[in-house]
Amino acid sequence: MVCLPFGFIAAVSLIPLDLQYEELNDFNSGCRWFEPVKGRLILFPSLVEHDVEKNNTNNIRTSLSFNTFVRGEIGNKSQLTEITIG
């Protein structure tokens, strides 16, 4: 099995300014890469642009994708964000 880094790409800048940074970090870079960890599942909204490095080996890479939906109560009643999804 091939385990290649998996990345998220910022499709739209949250700050529409051309800011200059001395050093990139998780908060100001345009992408974030994760090394695979056995037994870890990364869930993210389908609208988030994502990528994986090209498999340049003869090994088979296996991927799994699926859609999931929230059910039940989410949010916070005291902050007026509570909602029940059935």
C-alpha atoms as a PDB file:
ATOM      1  CA  MET A   1       0.000   0.000   0.000  1.00  0.00           C
ATOM      2  CA  VAL A   2       1.270   3.480  -0.857  1.00  0.00           C
ATOM      3  CA  CYS A   3       0.869   6.253   1.723  1.00  0.00           C
ATOM      4  CA  LEU A   4       1.379   9.648   0.147  1.00  0.00           C
ATOM      5  CA  PRO A   5       0.773  13.061   1.716  1.00  0.00           C
ATOM      6  CA  PHE A   6      -2.758  14.420   1.370  1.00  0.00           C
ATOM      7  CA  GLY A   7      -3.372  18.147   0.990  1.00  0.00           C
ATOM      8  CA  PHE A   8      -6.024  20.822   1.239  1.00  0.00           C
ATOM      9  CA  ILE A   9      -5.789  23.894  -0.979  1.00  0.00           C
ATOM     10  CA  ALA A  10      -7.297  27.287  -0.124  1.00  0.00           C
ATOM     11  CA  ALA A  11      -9.537  27.967  -3.141  1.00  0.00           C
ATOM     12  CA  VAL A  12     -10.525  31.445  -1.947  1.00  0.00           C
ATOM     13  CA  SER A  13      -8.353  33.670   0.182  1.00  0.00           C
ATOM     14  CA  LEU A  14     -10.013  34.654   3.446  1.00  0.00           C
ATOM     15  CA  ILE A  15      -8.167  37.967   3.324  1.00  0.00           C
ATOM     16  CA  PRO A  16      -8.268  39.477  -0.192  1.00  0.00           C
ATOM     17  CA  LEU A  17      -5.021  41.415   0.345  1.00  0.00           C
ATOM     18  CA  ASP A  18      -1.576  40.692  -1.028  1.00  0.00           C
ATOM     19  CA  LEU A  19       0.208  40.418   2.316  1.00  0.00           C
ATOM     20  CA  GLN A  20       3.910  39.643   2.518  1.00  0.00           C
ATOM     21  CA  TYR A  21       5.009  37.043   5.089  1.00  0.00           C
ATOM     22  CA  GLU A  22       8.480  36.373   6.383  1.00  0.00           C
ATOM     23  CA  GLU A  23       7.521  32.777   7.190  1.00  0.00           C
ATOM     24  CA  LEU A  24       4.584  30.582   6.142  1.00  0.00           C
ATOM     25  CA  ASN A  25       2.523  28.730   8.748  1.00  0.00           C
ATOM     26  CA  ASP A  26      -0.869  26.945   9.040  1.00  0.00           C
ATOM     27  CA  PHE A  27      -2.699  30.282   9.180  1.00  0.00           C
ATOM     28  CA  ASN A  28      -1.214  32.176   6.244  1.00  0.00           C
ATOM     29  CA  SER A  29      -0.259  29.531   3.671  1.00  0.00           C
ATOM     30  CA  GLY A  30      -2.413  28.548   0.705  1.00  0.00           C
ATOM     31  CA  CYS A  31      -2.308  24.824   1.421  1.00  0.00           C
ATOM     32  CA  ARG A  32      -1.856  22.295   4.229  1.00  0.00           C
ATOM     33  CA  TRP A  33      -0.465  18.772   3.818  1.00  0.00           C
ATOM     34  CA  PHE A  34      -0.981  15.779   6.112  1.00  0.00           C
ATOM     35  CA  GLU A  35       1.092  12.623   6.320  1.00  0.00           C
ATOM     36  CA  PRO A  36      -1.111   9.500   6.418  1.00  0.00           C
ATOM     37  CA  VAL A  37      -1.514   7.858   9.830  1.00  0.00           C
ATOM     38  CA  LYS A  38      -2.756   4.268  10.054  1.00  0.00           C
ATOM     39  CA  GLY A  39      -6.246   4.183  11.569  1.00  0.00           C
ATOM     40  CA  ARG A  40      -6.883   7.936  11.126  1.00  0.00           C
ATOM     41  CA  LEU A  41      -9.822   9.252   9.106  1.00  0.00           C
ATOM     42  CA  ILE A  42      -9.874  12.852   7.896  1.00  0.00           C
ATOM     43  CA  LEU A  43     -13.388  14.234   7.319  1.00  0.00           C
ATOM     44  CA  PHE A  44     -13.855  17.486   5.413  1.00  0.00           C
ATOM     45  CA  PRO A  45     -16.585  19.266   3.423  1.00  0.00           C
ATOM     46  CA  SER A  46     -16.746  18.205  -0.220  1.00  0.00           C
ATOM     47  CA  LEU A  47     -16.382  21.806  -1.391  1.00  0.00           C
ATOM     48  CA  VAL A  48     -12.834  21.953   0.022  1.00  0.00           C
ATOM     49  CA  GLU A  49     -10.317  21.535  -2.787  1.00  0.00           C
ATOM     50  CA  HIS A  50      -7.949  18.663  -2.030  1.00  0.00           C
ATOM     51  CA  ASP A  51      -5.075  16.806  -3.644  1.00  0.00           C
ATOM     52  CA  VAL A  52      -2.720  13.854  -3.217  1.00  0.00           C
ATOM     53  CA  GLU A  53       0.784  13.464  -4.611  1.00  0.00           C
ATOM     54  CA  LYS A  54       1.231  11.341  -7.744  1.00  0.00           C
ATOM     55  CA  ASN A  55       1.984   7.672  -7.079  1.00  0.00           C
ATOM     56  CA  ASN A  56       5.365   7.144  -8.751  1.00  0.00           C
ATOM     57  CA  THR A  57       5.733   3.572  -7.469  1.00  0.00           C
ATOM     58  CA  ASN A  58       4.558   0.186  -8.716  1.00  0.00           C
ATOM     59  CA  ASN A  59       2.555  -0.283  -5.493  1.00  0.00           C
ATOM     60  CA  ILE A  60      -1.232  -0.022  -5.497  1.00  0.00           C
ATOM     61  CA  ARG A  61      -2.740   3.003  -3.774  1.00  0.00           C
ATOM     62  CA  THR A  62      -6.193   2.435  -2.286  1.00  0.00           C
ATOM     63  CA  SER A  63      -8.545   5.383  -1.681  1.00  0.00           C
ATOM     64  CA  LEU A  64     -11.926   5.523  -0.008  1.00  0.00           C
ATOM     65  CA  SER A  65     -14.425   8.348  -0.371  1.00  0.00           C
ATOM     66  CA  PHE A  66     -17.988   8.690   0.840  1.00  0.00           C
ATOM     67  CA  ASN A  67     -20.656  11.230   1.746  1.00  0.00           C
ATOM     68  CA  THR A  68     -21.960  11.559   5.270  1.00  0.00           C
ATOM     69  CA  PHE A  69     -24.566  13.741   6.937  1.00  0.00           C
ATOM     70  CA  VAL A  70     -25.129  15.057  10.447  1.00  0.00           C
ATOM     71  CA  ARG A  71     -28.215  13.866  12.356  1.00  0.00           C
ATOM     72  CA  GLY A  72     -29.517  14.920  15.733  1.00  0.00           C
ATOM     73  CA  GLU A  73     -28.945  18.071  17.722  1.00  0.00           C
ATOM     74  CA  ILE A  74     -26.048  20.359  16.919  1.00  0.00           C
ATOM     75  CA  GLY A  75     -25.128  23.841  18.046  1.00  0.00           C
ATOM     76  CA  ASN A  76     -25.676  25.491  21.397  1.00  0.00           C
ATOM     77  CA  LYS A  77     -29.055  26.541  22.820  1.00  0.00           C
ATOM     78  CA  SER A  78     -27.600  29.322  24.985  1.00  0.00           C
ATOM     79  CA  GLN A  79     -25.864  30.837  21.938  1.00  0.00           C
ATOM     80  CA  LEU A  80     -29.016  30.471  19.808  1.00  0.00           C
ATOM     81  CA  THR A  81     -27.258  28.138  17.359  1.00  0.00           C
ATOM     82  CA  GLU A  82     -29.044  24.907  18.325  1.00  0.00           C
ATOM     83  CA  ILE A  83     -30.750  23.006  15.529  1.00  0.00           C
ATOM     84  CA  THR A  84     -32.172  19.481  15.211  1.00  0.00           C
ATOM     85  CA  ILE A  85     -31.547  17.671  11.951  1.00  0.00           C
ATOM     86  CA  GLY A  86     -33.671  14.580  11.461  1.00  0.00           C
END
